[in-house]
Every structure is written in C-alpha cells, then in structure tokens.
Amino acid sequence: MTIYSTGVRGVLRAYQGDRVTLNQDRRNVEGKAKSDEDSVVLSPQAQKLRRAQEMVAKESAVREEVVARISQEVAAGTYRIDPDEVAKKLLAASRLFDREV
C-alpha cells in the first residue's frame, strides 16, 4: 500500500536526509546547515528541573543518623510507633494526590 500526501512526503524526505520543510526552499536549508551550529535552549521550567535534579543527586537518599537511631531503638526494644501520627501522615500524603480516603 502506498500513501501519498504532502505531509507524508515531507516526513519521508526528512528521514532520507533532505530535511526540507514544506515552506522552505532546499537551497536555503542547505546554506543554513553549513553556517549555523546546532544548539539547544532549555525553557526556564526545564532549567529549574535540571537544577533540582542536580541538588537531589548531591544529597544521600538515606538519612544515616535517623537509620542509626531507629536501629538502636529496635535492638534495645524501645522503638515505638505512634499510630495516630502514621494516620495523619497517610492522610496528608493522600491529599497531595487529590485522593479521598
């Protein structure tokens, strides 16, 4: 089956290395490719996300001092869980995702 349309032909040309859009002259595109360099510009939101990822990558996912304290309490048999506090945190977390509990 062969499909012919302006959009399909444009896509096929792009994948064949022509990289010509429907409204551009091929000579103009080839001239630009030789003189311009490729570049990427991140949106402000993407820049913030990148900075946040860098900050998270620097921090350890494990809070060593908390793990050590809880481990000692468990070993000593003194670790206690407050069920009311657990319930409050579960409800607060569910609200972050707009879910009713």
PDB file of N, CA and C in Angstrom:
ATOM      1  N   MET A   1       0.850  -1.172   0.000  1.00  0.00           N
ATOM      2  CA  MET A   1       0.000   0.000   0.000  1.00  0.00           C
ATOM      3  C   MET A   1       0.898   1.239   0.000  1.00  0.00           C
ATOM      4  N   THR A   2       0.610   2.198  -0.830  1.00  0.00           N
ATOM      5  CA  THR A   2       1.374   3.429  -0.919  1.00  0.00           C
ATOM      6  C   THR A   2       0.468   4.594  -0.568  1.00  0.00           C
ATOM      7  N   ILE A   3       0.949   5.444   0.338  1.00  0.00           N
ATOM      8  CA  ILE A   3       0.182   6.618   0.749  1.00  0.00           C
ATOM      9  C   ILE A   3       0.927   7.852   0.270  1.00  0.00           C
ATOM     10  N   TYR A   4       0.233   8.719  -0.439  1.00  0.00           N
ATOM     11  CA  TYR A   4       0.840   9.950  -0.921  1.00  0.00           C
ATOM     12  C   TYR A   4       0.062  11.137  -0.369  1.00  0.00           C
ATOM     13  N   SER A   5       0.765  11.994   0.299  1.00  0.00           N
ATOM     14  CA  SER A   5       0.213  13.281   0.709  1.00  0.00           C
ATOM     15  C   SER A   5       1.388  14.198   0.992  1.00  0.00           C
ATOM     16  N   THR A   6       1.107  15.469   1.063  1.00  0.00           N
ATOM     17  CA  THR A   6       2.175  16.440   1.297  1.00  0.00           C
ATOM     18  C   THR A   6       2.884  16.161   2.613  1.00  0.00           C
ATOM     19  N   GLY A   7       2.124  15.860   3.668  1.00  0.00           N
ATOM     20  CA  GLY A   7       2.717  15.606   4.986  1.00  0.00           C
ATOM     21  C   GLY A   7       3.585  14.369   5.003  1.00  0.00           C
ATOM     22  N   VAL A   8       3.115  13.299   4.384  1.00  0.00           N
ATOM     23  CA  VAL A   8       3.868  12.053   4.369  1.00  0.00           C
ATOM     24  C   VAL A   8       5.151  12.219   3.576  1.00  0.00           C
ATOM     25  N   ARG A   9       5.068  12.883   2.426  1.00  0.00           N
ATOM     26  CA  ARG A   9       6.277  13.091   1.622  1.00  0.00           C
ATOM     27  C   ARG A   9       7.298  13.938   2.383  1.00  0.00           C
ATOM     28  N   GLY A  10       6.818  14.928   3.120  1.00  0.00           N
ATOM     29  CA  GLY A  10       7.733  15.753   3.912  1.00  0.00           C
ATOM     30  C   GLY A  10       8.447  14.941   4.985  1.00  0.00           C
ATOM     31  N   VAL A  11       7.714  14.054   5.626  1.00  0.00           N
ATOM     32  CA  VAL A  11       8.311  13.194   6.645  1.00  0.00           C
ATOM     33  C   VAL A  11       9.322  12.252   6.017  1.00  0.00           C
ATOM     34  N   LEU A  12       8.960  11.674   4.901  1.00  0.00           N
ATOM     35  CA  LEU A  12       9.884  10.766   4.226  1.00  0.00           C
ATOM     36  C   LEU A  12      11.163  11.473   3.817  1.00  0.00           C
ATOM     37  N   ARG A  13      11.040  12.700   3.300  1.00  0.00           N
ATOM     38  CA  ARG A  13      12.239  13.457   2.929  1.00  0.00           C
ATOM     39  C   ARG A  13      13.105  13.746   4.147  1.00  0.00           C
ATOM     40  N   ALA A  14      12.487  14.045   5.263  1.00  0.00           N
ATOM     41  CA  ALA A  14      13.255  14.334   6.475  1.00  0.00           C
ATOM     42  C   ALA A  14      14.078  13.127   6.892  1.00  0.00           C
ATOM     43  N   TYR A  15      13.494  11.939   6.765  1.00  0.00           N
ATOM     44  CA  TYR A  15      14.211  10.736   7.142  1.00  0.00           C
ATOM     45  C   TYR A  15      15.220  10.294   6.095  1.00  0.00           C
ATOM     46  N   GLN A  16      15.113  10.821   4.895  1.00  0.00           N
ATOM     47  CA  GLN A  16      16.075  10.480   3.851  1.00  0.00           C
ATOM     48  C   GLN A  16      17.241  11.456   3.830  1.00  0.00           C
ATOM     49  N   GLY A  17      17.276  12.391   4.754  1.00  0.00           N
ATOM     50  CA  GLY A  17      18.396  13.307   4.848  1.00  0.00           C
ATOM     51  C   GLY A  17      18.174  14.638   4.170  1.00  0.00           C
ATOM     52  N   ASP A  18      17.034  14.841   3.487  1.00  0.00           N
ATOM     53  CA  ASP A  18      16.784  16.110   2.826  1.00  0.00           C
ATOM     54  C   ASP A  18      16.477  17.202   3.844  1.00  0.00           C
ATOM     55  N   ARG A  19      15.716  16.894   4.848  1.00  0.00           N
ATOM     56  CA  ARG A  19      15.341  17.823   5.910  1.00  0.00           C
ATOM     57  C   ARG A  19      14.798  19.136   5.349  1.00  0.00           C
ATOM     58  N   VAL A  20      13.854  19.036   4.462  1.00  0.00           N
ATOM     59  CA  VAL A  20      13.241  20.204   3.849  1.00  0.00           C
ATOM     60  C   VAL A  20      11.815  20.299   4.347  1.00  0.00           C
ATOM     61  N   THR A  21      11.436  21.457   4.880  1.00  0.00           N
ATOM     62  CA  THR A  21      10.053  21.637   5.285  1.00  0.00           C
ATOM     63  C   THR A  21       9.250  22.080   4.076  1.00  0.00           C
ATOM     64  N   LEU A  22       7.950  22.030   4.200  1.00  0.00           N
ATOM     65  CA  LEU A  22       7.094  22.318   3.064  1.00  0.00           C
ATOM     66  C   LEU A  22       7.212  23.757   2.582  1.00  0.00           C
ATOM     67  N   ASN A  23       7.530  24.691   3.451  1.00  0.00           N
ATOM     68  CA  ASN A  23       7.558  26.105   3.079  1.00  0.00           C
ATOM     69  C   ASN A  23       8.971  26.636   2.838  1.00  0.00           C
ATOM     70  N   GLN A  24       9.978  25.786   2.802  1.00  0.00           N
ATOM     71  CA  GLN A  24      11.344  26.254   2.626  1.00  0.00           C
ATOM     72  C   GLN A  24      11.917  25.756   1.299  1.00  0.00           C
ATOM     73  N   ASP A  25      12.764  26.578   0.755  1.00  0.00           N
ATOM     74  CA  ASP A  25      13.496  26.192  -0.453  1.00  0.00           C
ATOM     75  C   ASP A  25      14.697  25.353  -0.020  1.00  0.00           C
ATOM     76  N   ARG A  26      14.962  24.294  -0.729  1.00  0.00           N
ATOM     77  CA  ARG A  26      16.043  23.377  -0.370  1.00  0.00           C
ATOM     78  C   ARG A  26      17.395  24.090  -0.319  1.00  0.00           C
ATOM     79  N   ARG A  27      17.643  25.025  -1.199  1.00  0.00           N
ATOM     80  CA  ARG A  27      18.928  25.739  -1.205  1.00  0.00           C
ATOM     81  C   ARG A  27      19.103  26.538   0.074  1.00  0.00           C
ATOM     82  N   ASN A  28      18.047  27.156   0.568  1.00  0.00           N
ATOM     83  CA  ASN A  28      18.141  27.926   1.805  1.00  0.00           C
ATOM     84  C   ASN A  28      18.464  27.030   2.987  1.00  0.00           C
ATOM     85  N   VAL A  29      17.865  25.868   3.038  1.00  0.00           N
ATOM     86  CA  VAL A  29      18.096  24.945   4.143  1.00  0.00           C
ATOM     87  C   VAL A  29      19.530  24.453   4.141  1.00  0.00           C
ATOM     88  N   GLU A  30      20.056  24.084   2.965  1.00  0.00           N
ATOM     89  CA  GLU A  30      21.417  23.583   2.896  1.00  0.00           C
ATOM     90  C   GLU A  30      22.420  24.672   3.252  1.00  0.00           C
ATOM     91  N   GLY A  31      22.168  25.910   2.856  1.00  0.00           N
ATOM     92  CA  GLY A  31      23.062  27.011   3.200  1.00  0.00           C
ATOM     93  C   GLY A  31      23.093  27.268   4.692  1.00  0.00           C
ATOM     94  N   LYS A  32      21.944  27.175   5.346  1.00  0.00           N
ATOM     95  CA  LYS A  32      21.882  27.374   6.795  1.00  0.00           C
ATOM     96  C   LYS A  32      22.626  26.276   7.530  1.00  0.00           C
ATOM     97  N   ALA A  33      22.498  25.054   7.062  1.00  0.00           N
ATOM     98  CA  ALA A  33      23.120  23.927   7.750  1.00  0.00           C
ATOM     99  C   ALA A  33      24.637  24.087   7.801  1.00  0.00           C
ATOM    100  N   LYS A  34      25.213  24.691   6.782  1.00  0.00           N
ATOM    101  CA  LYS A  34      26.655  24.852   6.754  1.00  0.00           C
ATOM    102  C   LYS A  34      27.127  25.999   7.636  1.00  0.00           C
ATOM    103  N   SER A  35      26.306  27.048   7.794  1.00  0.00           N
ATOM    104  CA  SER A  35      26.767  28.215   8.525  1.00  0.00           C
ATOM    105  C   SER A  35      26.363  28.206  10.000  1.00  0.00           C
ATOM    106  N   ASP A  36      25.243  27.600  10.341  1.00  0.00           N
ATOM    107  CA  ASP A  36      24.762  27.598  11.727  1.00  0.00           C
ATOM    108  C   ASP A  36      25.177  26.322  12.442  1.00  0.00           C
ATOM    109  N   GLU A  37      25.356  26.456  13.746  1.00  0.00           N
ATOM    110  CA  GLU A  37      25.625  25.282  14.564  1.00  0.00           C
ATOM    111  C   GLU A  37      24.347  24.883  15.274  1.00  0.00           C
ATOM    112  N   ASP A  38      24.217  23.616  15.573  1.00  0.00           N
ATOM    113  CA  ASP A  38      23.072  23.154  16.332  1.00  0.00           C
ATOM    114  C   ASP A  38      23.179  23.646  17.768  1.00  0.00           C
ATOM    115  N   SER A  39      22.044  23.986  18.347  1.00  0.00           N
ATOM    116  CA  SER A  39      22.049  24.410  19.743  1.00  0.00           C
ATOM    117  C   SER A  39      20.719  24.019  20.378  1.00  0.00           C
ATOM    118  N   VAL A  40      20.754  23.933  21.684  1.00  0.00           N
ATOM    119  CA  VAL A  40      19.565  23.600  22.453  1.00  0.00           C
ATOM    120  C   VAL A  40      19.364  24.689  23.490  1.00  0.00           C
ATOM    121  N   VAL A  41      18.141  25.176  23.573  1.00  0.00           N
ATOM    122  CA  VAL A  41      17.810  26.189  24.570  1.00  0.00           C
ATOM    123  C   VAL A  41      16.746  25.598  25.478  1.00  0.00           C
ATOM    124  N   LEU A  42      17.063  25.513  26.761  1.00  0.00           N
ATOM    125  CA  LEU A  42      16.117  24.955  27.722  1.00  0.00           C
ATOM    126  C   LEU A  42      15.176  26.043  28.221  1.00  0.00           C
ATOM    127  N   SER A  43      13.930  25.682  28.394  1.00  0.00           N
ATOM    128  CA  SER A  43      12.951  26.613  28.941  1.00  0.00           C
ATOM    129  C   SER A  43      13.293  26.876  30.404  1.00  0.00           C
ATOM    130  N   PRO A  44      12.786  27.965  30.975  1.00  0.00           N
ATOM    131  CA  PRO A  44      13.039  28.225  32.402  1.00  0.00           C
ATOM    132  C   PRO A  44      12.591  27.064  33.292  1.00  0.00           C
ATOM    133  N   GLN A  45      11.482  26.441  32.942  1.00  0.00           N
ATOM    134  CA  GLN A  45      10.999  25.305  33.738  1.00  0.00           C
ATOM    135  C   GLN A  45      11.979  24.132  33.646  1.00  0.00           C
ATOM    136  N   ALA A  46      12.503  23.872  32.472  1.00  0.00           N
ATOM    137  CA  ALA A  46      13.471  22.785  32.306  1.00  0.00           C
ATOM    138  C   ALA A  46      14.768  23.094  33.045  1.00  0.00           C
ATOM    139  N   GLN A  47      15.166  24.361  33.073  1.00  0.00           N
ATOM    140  CA  GLN A  47      16.368  24.750  33.809  1.00  0.00           C
ATOM    141  C   GLN A  47      16.176  24.528  35.304  1.00  0.00           C
ATOM    142  N   LYS A  48      14.993  24.866  35.827  1.00  0.00           N
ATOM    143  CA  LYS A  48      14.708  24.633  37.246  1.00  0.00           C
ATOM    144  C   LYS A  48      14.721  23.146  37.559  1.00  0.00           C
ATOM    145  N   LEU A  49      14.154  22.357  36.678  1.00  0.00           N
ATOM    146  CA  LEU A  49      14.130  20.912  36.872  1.00  0.00           C
ATOM    147  C   LEU A  49      15.546  20.351  36.880  1.00  0.00           C
ATOM    148  N   ARG A  50      16.384  20.818  35.975  1.00  0.00           N
ATOM    149  CA  ARG A  50      17.771  20.358  35.933  1.00  0.00           C
ATOM    150  C   ARG A  50      18.505  20.709  37.225  1.00  0.00           C
ATOM    151  N   ARG A  51      18.314  21.946  37.723  1.00  0.00           N
ATOM    152  CA  ARG A  51      18.951  22.336  38.983  1.00  0.00           C
ATOM    153  C   ARG A  51      18.452  21.484  40.142  1.00  0.00           C
ATOM    154  N   ALA A  52      17.149  21.199  40.167  1.00  0.00           N
ATOM    155  CA  ALA A  52      16.590  20.360  41.232  1.00  0.00           C
ATOM    156  C   ALA A  52      17.176  18.958  41.172  1.00  0.00           C
ATOM    157  N   GLN A  53      17.324  18.406  39.961  1.00  0.00           N
ATOM    158  CA  GLN A  53      17.903  17.073  39.820  1.00  0.00           C
ATOM    159  C   GLN A  53      19.352  17.057  40.298  1.00  0.00           C
ATOM    160  N   GLU A  54      20.098  18.116  40.015  1.00  0.00           N
ATOM    161  CA  GLU A  54      21.483  18.195  40.463  1.00  0.00           C
ATOM    162  C   GLU A  54      21.560  18.258  41.978  1.00  0.00           C
ATOM    163  N   MET A  55      20.646  19.020  42.599  1.00  0.00           N
ATOM    164  CA  MET A  55      20.630  19.123  44.060  1.00  0.00           C
ATOM    165  C   MET A  55      20.289  17.784  44.702  1.00  0.00           C
ATOM    166  N   VAL A  56      19.322  17.093  44.150  1.00  0.00           N
ATOM    167  CA  VAL A  56      18.922  15.797  44.688  1.00  0.00           C
ATOM    168  C   VAL A  56      20.047  14.786  44.525  1.00  0.00           C
ATOM    169  N   ALA A  57      20.745  14.849  43.407  1.00  0.00           N
ATOM    170  CA  ALA A  57      21.836  13.908  43.162  1.00  0.00           C
ATOM    171  C   ALA A  57      22.973  14.087  44.169  1.00  0.00           C
ATOM    172  N   LYS A  58      23.163  15.312  44.661  1.00  0.00           N
ATOM    173  CA  LYS A  58      24.222  15.579  45.636  1.00  0.00           C
ATOM    174  C   LYS A  58      23.885  15.023  47.014  1.00  0.00           C
ATOM    175  N   GLU A  59      22.612  14.955  47.341  1.00  0.00           N
ATOM    176  CA  GLU A  59      22.177  14.513  48.664  1.00  0.00           C
ATOM    177  C   GLU A  59      22.027  12.997  48.702  1.00  0.00           C
ATOM    178  N   SER A  60      22.275  12.428  49.850  1.00  0.00           N
ATOM    179  CA  SER A  60      22.076  10.996  50.037  1.00  0.00           C
ATOM    180  C   SER A  60      20.599  10.714  50.235  1.00  0.00           C
ATOM    181  N   ALA A  61      20.122   9.629  49.678  1.00  0.00           N
ATOM    182  CA  ALA A  61      18.720   9.249  49.830  1.00  0.00           C
ATOM    183  C   ALA A  61      18.464   8.664  51.214  1.00  0.00           C
ATOM    184  N   VAL A  62      19.523   8.298  51.931  1.00  0.00           N
ATOM    185  CA  VAL A  62      19.392   7.688  53.255  1.00  0.00           C
ATOM    186  C   VAL A  62      19.859   8.682  54.307  1.00  0.00           C
ATOM    187  N   ARG A  63      18.991   8.919  55.283  1.00  0.00           N
ATOM    188  CA  ARG A  63      19.387   9.777  56.404  1.00  0.00           C
ATOM    189  C   ARG A  63      20.070   8.887  57.442  1.00  0.00           C
ATOM    190  N   GLU A  64      21.377   8.865  57.373  1.00  0.00           N
ATOM    191  CA  GLU A  64      22.189   7.949  58.180  1.00  0.00           C
ATOM    192  C   GLU A  64      21.904   8.062  59.677  1.00  0.00           C
ATOM    193  N   GLU A  65      21.792   9.285  60.180  1.00  0.00           N
ATOM    194  CA  GLU A  65      21.590   9.469  61.623  1.00  0.00           C
ATOM    195  C   GLU A  65      20.235   8.928  62.077  1.00  0.00           C
ATOM    196  N   VAL A  66      19.212   9.069  61.240  1.00  0.00           N
ATOM    197  CA  VAL A  66      17.882   8.552  61.592  1.00  0.00           C
ATOM    198  C   VAL A  66      17.902   7.028  61.578  1.00  0.00           C
ATOM    199  N   VAL A  67      18.536   6.446  60.573  1.00  0.00           N
ATOM    200  CA  VAL A  67      18.622   4.991  60.478  1.00  0.00           C
ATOM    201  C   VAL A  67      19.375   4.430  61.683  1.00  0.00           C
ATOM    202  N   ALA A  68      20.461   5.068  62.070  1.00  0.00           N
ATOM    203  CA  ALA A  68      21.250   4.598  63.221  1.00  0.00           C
ATOM    204  C   ALA A  68      20.428   4.667  64.506  1.00  0.00           C
ATOM    205  N   ARG A  69      19.709   5.773  64.698  1.00  0.00           N
ATOM    206  CA  ARG A  69      18.902   5.926  65.914  1.00  0.00           C
ATOM    207  C   ARG A  69      17.803   4.879  65.988  1.00  0.00           C
ATOM    208  N   ILE A  70      17.096   4.684  64.886  1.00  0.00           N
ATOM    209  CA  ILE A  70      15.999   3.705  64.869  1.00  0.00           C
ATOM    210  C   ILE A  70      16.548   2.293  65.043  1.00  0.00           C
ATOM    211  N   SER A  71      17.677   2.007  64.435  1.00  0.00           N
ATOM    212  CA  SER A  71      18.290   0.680  64.579  1.00  0.00           C
ATOM    213  C   SER A  71      18.626   0.393  66.038  1.00  0.00           C
ATOM    214  N   GLN A  72      19.165   1.394  66.732  1.00  0.00           N
ATOM    215  CA  GLN A  72      19.497   1.224  68.157  1.00  0.00           C
ATOM    216  C   GLN A  72      18.237   1.006  68.991  1.00  0.00           C
ATOM    217  N   GLU A  73      17.185   1.777  68.687  1.00  0.00           N
ATOM    218  CA  GLU A  73      15.935   1.626  69.432  1.00  0.00           C
ATOM    219  C   GLU A  73      15.308   0.250  69.193  1.00  0.00           C
ATOM    220  N   VAL A  74      15.347  -0.243  67.957  1.00  0.00           N
ATOM    221  CA  VAL A  74      14.805  -1.573  67.652  1.00  0.00           C
ATOM    222  C   VAL A  74      15.613  -2.641  68.385  1.00  0.00           C
ATOM    223  N   ALA A  75      16.938  -2.526  68.366  1.00  0.00           N
ATOM    224  CA  ALA A  75      17.797  -3.505  69.039  1.00  0.00           C
ATOM    225  C   ALA A  75      17.556  -3.512  70.546  1.00  0.00           C
ATOM    226  N   ALA A  76      17.284  -2.332  71.111  1.00  0.00           N
ATOM    227  CA  ALA A  76      17.058  -2.228  72.547  1.00  0.00           C
ATOM    228  C   ALA A  76      15.614  -2.567  72.931  1.00  0.00           C
ATOM    229  N   GLY A  77      14.734  -2.664  71.943  1.00  0.00           N
ATOM    230  CA  GLY A  77      13.327  -2.959  72.215  1.00  0.00           C
ATOM    231  C   GLY A  77      12.530  -1.750  72.668  1.00  0.00           C
ATOM    232  N   THR A  78      13.053  -0.557  72.385  1.00  0.00           N
ATOM    233  CA  THR A  78      12.372   0.662  72.835  1.00  0.00           C
ATOM    234  C   THR A  78      11.722   1.438  71.698  1.00  0.00           C
ATOM    235  N   TYR A  79      11.787   0.911  70.482  1.00  0.00           N
ATOM    236  CA  TYR A  79      11.202   1.630  69.342  1.00  0.00           C
ATOM    237  C   TYR A  79       9.693   1.491  69.370  1.00  0.00           C
ATOM    238  N   ARG A  80       9.003   2.613  69.354  1.00  0.00           N
ATOM    239  CA  ARG A  80       7.545   2.626  69.395  1.00  0.00           C
ATOM    240  C   ARG A  80       7.013   3.446  68.220  1.00  0.00           C
ATOM    241  N   ILE A  81       5.901   2.996  67.679  1.00  0.00           N
ATOM    242  CA  ILE A  81       5.261   3.690  66.572  1.00  0.00           C
ATOM    243  C   ILE A  81       3.979   4.318  67.082  1.00  0.00           C
ATOM    244  N   ASP A  82       3.764   5.602  66.776  1.00  0.00           N
ATOM    245  CA  ASP A  82       2.546   6.307  67.154  1.00  0.00           C
ATOM    246  C   ASP A  82       1.541   6.150  66.010  1.00  0.00           C
ATOM    247  N   PRO A  83       0.494   5.312  66.184  1.00  0.00           N
ATOM    248  CA  PRO A  83      -0.448   5.068  65.094  1.00  0.00           C
ATOM    249  C   PRO A  83      -1.198   6.324  64.656  1.00  0.00           C
ATOM    250  N   ASP A  84      -1.466   7.236  65.570  1.00  0.00           N
ATOM    251  CA  ASP A  84      -2.153   8.481  65.198  1.00  0.00           C
ATOM    252  C   ASP A  84      -1.286   9.322  64.267  1.00  0.00           C
ATOM    253  N   GLU A  85      -0.003   9.374  64.558  1.00  0.00           N
ATOM    254  CA  GLU A  85       0.921  10.140  63.713  1.00  0.00           C
ATOM    255  C   GLU A  85       1.044   9.507  62.323  1.00  0.00           C
ATOM    256  N   VAL A  86       1.079   8.196  62.275  1.00  0.00           N
ATOM    257  CA  VAL A  86       1.137   7.488  60.992  1.00  0.00           C
ATOM    258  C   VAL A  86      -0.122   7.793  60.180  1.00  0.00           C
ATOM    259  N   ALA A  87      -1.288   7.755  60.820  1.00  0.00           N
ATOM    260  CA  ALA A  87      -2.553   8.025  60.125  1.00  0.00           C
ATOM    261  C   ALA A  87      -2.586   9.455  59.584  1.00  0.00           C
ATOM    262  N   LYS A  88      -2.131  10.409  60.375  1.00  0.00           N
ATOM    263  CA  LYS A  88      -2.109  11.811  59.926  1.00  0.00           C
ATOM    264  C   LYS A  88      -1.232  11.971  58.684  1.00  0.00           C
ATOM    265  N   LYS A  89      -0.078  11.338  58.698  1.00  0.00           N
ATOM    266  CA  LYS A  89       0.836  11.464  57.557  1.00  0.00           C
ATOM    267  C   LYS A  89       0.292  10.762  56.314  1.00  0.00           C
ATOM    268  N   LEU A  90      -0.395   9.637  56.506  1.00  0.00           N
ATOM    269  CA  LEU A  90      -1.006   8.954  55.366  1.00  0.00           C
ATOM    270  C   LEU A  90      -2.102   9.813  54.748  1.00  0.00           C
ATOM    271  N   LEU A  91      -2.924  10.438  55.584  1.00  0.00           N
ATOM    272  CA  LEU A  91      -3.980  11.308  55.069  1.00  0.00           C
ATOM    273  C   LEU A  91      -3.397  12.517  54.350  1.00  0.00           C
ATOM    274  N   ALA A  92      -2.354  13.104  54.914  1.00  0.00           N
ATOM    275  CA  ALA A  92      -1.713  14.251  54.276  1.00  0.00           C
ATOM    276  C   ALA A  92      -1.124  13.857  52.923  1.00  0.00           C
ATOM    277  N   ALA A  93      -0.526  12.683  52.851  1.00  0.00           N
ATOM    278  CA  ALA A  93       0.062  12.222  51.587  1.00  0.00           C
ATOM    279  C   ALA A  93      -1.017  11.966  50.545  1.00  0.00           C
ATOM    280  N   SER A  94      -2.145  11.419  50.969  1.00  0.00           N
ATOM    281  CA  SER A  94      -3.219  11.148  50.006  1.00  0.00           C
ATOM    282  C   SER A  94      -3.797  12.448  49.455  1.00  0.00           C
ATOM    283  N   ARG A  95      -3.800  13.502  50.245  1.00  0.00           N
ATOM    284  CA  ARG A  95      -4.297  14.799  49.776  1.00  0.00           C
ATOM    285  C   ARG A  95      -3.373  15.415  48.728  1.00  0.00           C
ATOM    286  N   LEU A  96      -2.112  15.083  48.788  1.00  0.00           N
ATOM    287  CA  LEU A  96      -1.180  15.582  47.782  1.00  0.00           C
ATOM    288  C   LEU A  96      -1.548  15.071  46.394  1.00  0.00           C
ATOM    289  N   PHE A  97      -2.159  13.915  46.338  1.00  0.00           N
ATOM    290  CA  PHE A  97      -2.543  13.314  45.059  1.00  0.00           C
ATOM    291  C   PHE A  97      -4.018  13.479  44.786  1.00  0.00           C
ATOM    292  N   ASP A  98      -4.690  14.376  45.506  1.00  0.00           N
ATOM    293  CA  ASP A  98      -6.109  14.674  45.312  1.00  0.00           C
ATOM    294  C   ASP A  98      -6.985  13.424  45.393  1.00  0.00           C
ATOM    295  N   ARG A  99      -6.694  12.577  46.344  1.00  0.00           N
ATOM    296  CA  ARG A  99      -7.499  11.369  46.519  1.00  0.00           C
ATOM    297  C   ARG A  99      -8.199  11.447  47.867  1.00  0.00           C
ATOM    298  N   GLU A 100      -9.443  11.053  47.873  1.00  0.00           N
ATOM    299  CA  GLU A 100     -10.217  10.986  49.108  1.00  0.00           C
ATOM    300  C   GLU A 100      -9.973   9.651  49.783  1.00  0.00           C
ATOM    301  N   VAL A 101      -9.798   9.681  51.078  1.00  0.00           N
ATOM    302  CA  VAL A 101      -9.614   8.454  51.851  1.00  0.00           C
ATOM    303  C   VAL A 101     -10.715   8.369  52.867  1.00  0.00           C
TER     304      VAL A 101
END
